[in-house]
Amino acid sequence: MDLLKDLCAELFGQWSEQGAMIAATQGYERGALDAAEGKPERETLPYDIHRMYMDDYQRGYREGYNHGNERPQF
């Protein structure tokens, strides 16, 4: 029983970290596109992002909206 519990905990930890990264990446991309098109910032969460990742999505969105179209300094 402990083995199953440990396995589930490990898989859930990986899933939640991966889900947060996907949400932040999608938020960044959407924010960069909205800024490039001159659209105002959006407060809504897309239907395909789970509510538990709302903060990650919004953080990525703000970063993309504010800095996604800047030229990199190489």
N, C-alpha and C. Protein backbone atom coordinates (compact mmCIF):
# COMPACT_ATOMS: atom_id res chain seq x y z
N MET A 1 0.82 -1.20 0.00
CA MET A 1 0.00 0.00 0.00
C MET A 1 0.87 1.26 0.00
N ASP A 2 1.95 1.24 0.75
CA ASP A 2 2.83 2.41 0.80
C ASP A 2 3.51 2.66 -0.55
N LEU A 3 3.82 1.58 -1.24
CA LEU A 3 4.45 1.71 -2.55
C LEU A 3 3.51 2.42 -3.53
N LEU A 4 2.26 2.04 -3.51
CA LEU A 4 1.26 2.68 -4.39
C LEU A 4 1.09 4.15 -4.03
N LYS A 5 1.04 4.44 -2.75
CA LYS A 5 0.88 5.82 -2.28
C LYS A 5 2.09 6.67 -2.71
N ASP A 6 3.30 6.11 -2.58
CA ASP A 6 4.51 6.83 -2.98
C ASP A 6 4.54 7.07 -4.48
N LEU A 7 4.14 6.07 -5.26
CA LEU A 7 4.11 6.19 -6.71
C LEU A 7 3.12 7.27 -7.14
N CYS A 8 1.93 7.27 -6.54
CA CYS A 8 0.92 8.28 -6.88
C CYS A 8 1.40 9.68 -6.51
N ALA A 9 2.03 9.82 -5.36
CA ALA A 9 2.54 11.12 -4.94
C ALA A 9 3.60 11.62 -5.91
N GLU A 10 4.49 10.73 -6.35
CA GLU A 10 5.54 11.11 -7.29
C GLU A 10 4.96 11.53 -8.64
N LEU A 11 4.02 10.75 -9.15
CA LEU A 11 3.40 11.07 -10.44
C LEU A 11 2.60 12.37 -10.37
N PHE A 12 1.88 12.59 -9.28
CA PHE A 12 1.12 13.83 -9.14
C PHE A 12 2.05 15.03 -9.08
N GLY A 13 3.17 14.91 -8.38
CA GLY A 13 4.14 16.01 -8.30
C GLY A 13 4.69 16.37 -9.66
N GLN A 14 5.00 15.37 -10.47
CA GLN A 14 5.51 15.63 -11.81
C GLN A 14 4.43 16.26 -12.68
N TRP A 15 3.22 15.76 -12.58
CA TRP A 15 2.12 16.27 -13.40
C TRP A 15 1.84 17.72 -13.08
N SER A 16 1.80 18.06 -11.80
CA SER A 16 1.46 19.42 -11.44
C SER A 16 2.55 20.40 -11.87
N GLU A 17 3.81 19.99 -11.78
CA GLU A 17 4.90 20.85 -12.23
C GLU A 17 4.84 21.04 -13.74
N GLN A 18 4.59 19.98 -14.46
CA GLN A 18 4.48 20.06 -15.91
C GLN A 18 3.28 20.90 -16.32
N GLY A 19 2.16 20.73 -15.64
CA GLY A 19 0.97 21.53 -15.93
C GLY A 19 1.20 23.01 -15.70
N ALA A 20 1.90 23.34 -14.64
CA ALA A 20 2.21 24.74 -14.35
C ALA A 20 3.10 25.34 -15.44
N MET A 21 4.06 24.56 -15.91
CA MET A 21 4.95 25.05 -16.95
C MET A 21 4.20 25.26 -18.26
N ILE A 22 3.32 24.35 -18.59
CA ILE A 22 2.52 24.49 -19.81
C ILE A 22 1.63 25.72 -19.72
N ALA A 23 1.00 25.93 -18.58
CA ALA A 23 0.14 27.10 -18.40
C ALA A 23 0.92 28.39 -18.52
N ALA A 24 2.09 28.45 -17.90
CA ALA A 24 2.91 29.66 -17.96
C ALA A 24 3.39 29.93 -19.39
N THR A 25 3.76 28.88 -20.10
CA THR A 25 4.22 29.04 -21.49
C THR A 25 3.09 29.52 -22.38
N GLN A 26 1.91 28.93 -22.23
CA GLN A 26 0.78 29.37 -23.04
C GLN A 26 0.38 30.81 -22.70
N GLY A 27 0.46 31.15 -21.43
CA GLY A 27 0.16 32.53 -21.03
C GLY A 27 1.15 33.51 -21.64
N TYR A 28 2.42 33.15 -21.62
CA TYR A 28 3.46 34.01 -22.21
C TYR A 28 3.21 34.23 -23.70
N GLU A 29 2.93 33.14 -24.41
CA GLU A 29 2.69 33.25 -25.84
C GLU A 29 1.47 34.11 -26.15
N ARG A 30 0.39 33.90 -25.40
CA ARG A 30 -0.83 34.69 -25.61
C ARG A 30 -0.59 36.16 -25.27
N GLY A 31 0.15 36.43 -24.20
CA GLY A 31 0.45 37.81 -23.83
C GLY A 31 1.30 38.51 -24.88
N ALA A 32 2.29 37.82 -25.41
CA ALA A 32 3.15 38.41 -26.44
C ALA A 32 2.33 38.70 -27.71
N LEU A 33 1.44 37.78 -28.09
CA LEU A 33 0.61 38.01 -29.27
C LEU A 33 -0.36 39.17 -29.07
N ASP A 34 -0.98 39.24 -27.89
CA ASP A 34 -1.90 40.34 -27.61
C ASP A 34 -1.18 41.69 -27.66
N ALA A 35 0.00 41.75 -27.10
CA ALA A 35 0.77 43.00 -27.11
C ALA A 35 1.17 43.37 -28.54
N ALA A 36 1.58 42.38 -29.34
CA ALA A 36 1.99 42.64 -30.72
C ALA A 36 0.82 43.14 -31.57
N GLU A 37 -0.39 42.66 -31.26
CA GLU A 37 -1.58 43.07 -32.01
C GLU A 37 -2.24 44.32 -31.43
N GLY A 38 -1.67 44.86 -30.35
CA GLY A 38 -2.21 46.07 -29.75
C GLY A 38 -3.50 45.86 -28.96
N LYS A 39 -3.75 44.65 -28.55
CA LYS A 39 -4.97 44.35 -27.78
C LYS A 39 -4.74 44.68 -26.31
N PRO A 40 -5.81 45.02 -25.59
CA PRO A 40 -5.65 45.25 -24.15
C PRO A 40 -5.39 43.93 -23.43
N GLU A 41 -4.84 44.02 -22.22
CA GLU A 41 -4.57 42.81 -21.44
C GLU A 41 -5.87 42.09 -21.11
N ARG A 42 -5.82 40.76 -21.12
CA ARG A 42 -6.99 39.94 -20.83
C ARG A 42 -6.90 39.41 -19.41
N GLU A 43 -8.04 39.32 -18.77
CA GLU A 43 -8.10 38.77 -17.42
C GLU A 43 -8.65 37.35 -17.40
N THR A 44 -9.17 36.89 -18.52
CA THR A 44 -9.84 35.59 -18.53
C THR A 44 -8.85 34.45 -18.73
N LEU A 45 -9.19 33.32 -18.18
CA LEU A 45 -8.39 32.11 -18.30
C LEU A 45 -8.94 31.29 -19.47
N PRO A 46 -8.09 30.84 -20.40
CA PRO A 46 -8.58 30.02 -21.50
C PRO A 46 -9.23 28.73 -20.99
N TYR A 47 -10.14 28.19 -21.76
CA TYR A 47 -10.89 27.00 -21.35
C TYR A 47 -10.01 25.78 -21.17
N ASP A 48 -8.86 25.71 -21.85
CA ASP A 48 -8.03 24.52 -21.77
C ASP A 48 -6.97 24.57 -20.66
N ILE A 49 -6.99 25.61 -19.85
CA ILE A 49 -6.08 25.72 -18.71
C ILE A 49 -6.88 25.48 -17.43
N HIS A 50 -6.44 24.54 -16.64
CA HIS A 50 -7.15 24.21 -15.39
C HIS A 50 -7.01 25.36 -14.40
N ARG A 51 -8.04 25.57 -13.61
CA ARG A 51 -8.06 26.69 -12.65
C ARG A 51 -6.92 26.63 -11.65
N MET A 52 -6.42 25.44 -11.34
CA MET A 52 -5.32 25.35 -10.37
C MET A 52 -4.04 25.99 -10.91
N TYR A 53 -3.97 26.21 -12.21
CA TYR A 53 -2.79 26.83 -12.82
C TYR A 53 -3.04 28.29 -13.20
N MET A 54 -4.08 28.89 -12.67
CA MET A 54 -4.43 30.26 -13.03
C MET A 54 -3.28 31.24 -12.73
N ASP A 55 -2.67 31.13 -11.57
CA ASP A 55 -1.58 32.04 -11.21
C ASP A 55 -0.40 31.89 -12.16
N ASP A 56 -0.07 30.65 -12.54
CA ASP A 56 1.04 30.40 -13.46
C ASP A 56 0.74 31.00 -14.83
N TYR A 57 -0.49 30.79 -15.29
CA TYR A 57 -0.89 31.34 -16.59
C TYR A 57 -0.82 32.87 -16.58
N GLN A 58 -1.37 33.48 -15.55
CA GLN A 58 -1.40 34.94 -15.47
C GLN A 58 0.00 35.53 -15.35
N ARG A 59 0.87 34.87 -14.60
CA ARG A 59 2.25 35.34 -14.48
C ARG A 59 2.95 35.27 -15.84
N GLY A 60 2.75 34.16 -16.56
CA GLY A 60 3.32 34.03 -17.90
C GLY A 60 2.74 35.06 -18.86
N TYR A 61 1.43 35.28 -18.76
CA TYR A 61 0.76 36.25 -19.63
C TYR A 61 1.33 37.66 -19.42
N ARG A 62 1.45 38.08 -18.16
CA ARG A 62 1.97 39.42 -17.88
C ARG A 62 3.40 39.57 -18.39
N GLU A 63 4.21 38.53 -18.20
CA GLU A 63 5.59 38.57 -18.67
C GLU A 63 5.63 38.68 -20.20
N GLY A 64 4.81 37.89 -20.88
CA GLY A 64 4.76 37.95 -22.33
C GLY A 64 4.21 39.27 -22.84
N TYR A 65 3.19 39.78 -22.17
CA TYR A 65 2.58 41.04 -22.58
C TYR A 65 3.55 42.21 -22.41
N ASN A 66 4.29 42.21 -21.30
CA ASN A 66 5.17 43.33 -21.00
C ASN A 66 6.55 43.21 -21.64
N HIS A 67 7.02 41.99 -21.87
CA HIS A 67 8.40 41.83 -22.34
C HIS A 67 8.56 40.88 -23.51
N GLY A 68 7.49 40.31 -24.02
CA GLY A 68 7.59 39.29 -25.06
C GLY A 68 8.03 39.79 -26.41
N ASN A 69 7.89 41.07 -26.66
CA ASN A 69 8.24 41.60 -27.98
C ASN A 69 9.53 42.42 -27.96
N GLU A 70 10.25 42.36 -26.86
CA GLU A 70 11.52 43.09 -26.79
C GLU A 70 12.59 42.31 -27.53
N ARG A 71 13.51 43.05 -28.09
CA ARG A 71 14.62 42.41 -28.78
C ARG A 71 15.61 41.90 -27.75
N PRO A 72 16.10 40.69 -27.91
CA PRO A 72 17.09 40.19 -26.95
C PRO A 72 18.39 40.97 -27.05
N GLN A 73 19.04 41.11 -25.93
CA GLN A 73 20.32 41.83 -25.90
C GLN A 73 21.46 40.83 -25.96
N PHE A 74 21.95 40.60 -27.17
CA PHE A 74 23.07 39.66 -27.36
C PHE A 74 24.33 40.45 -27.60
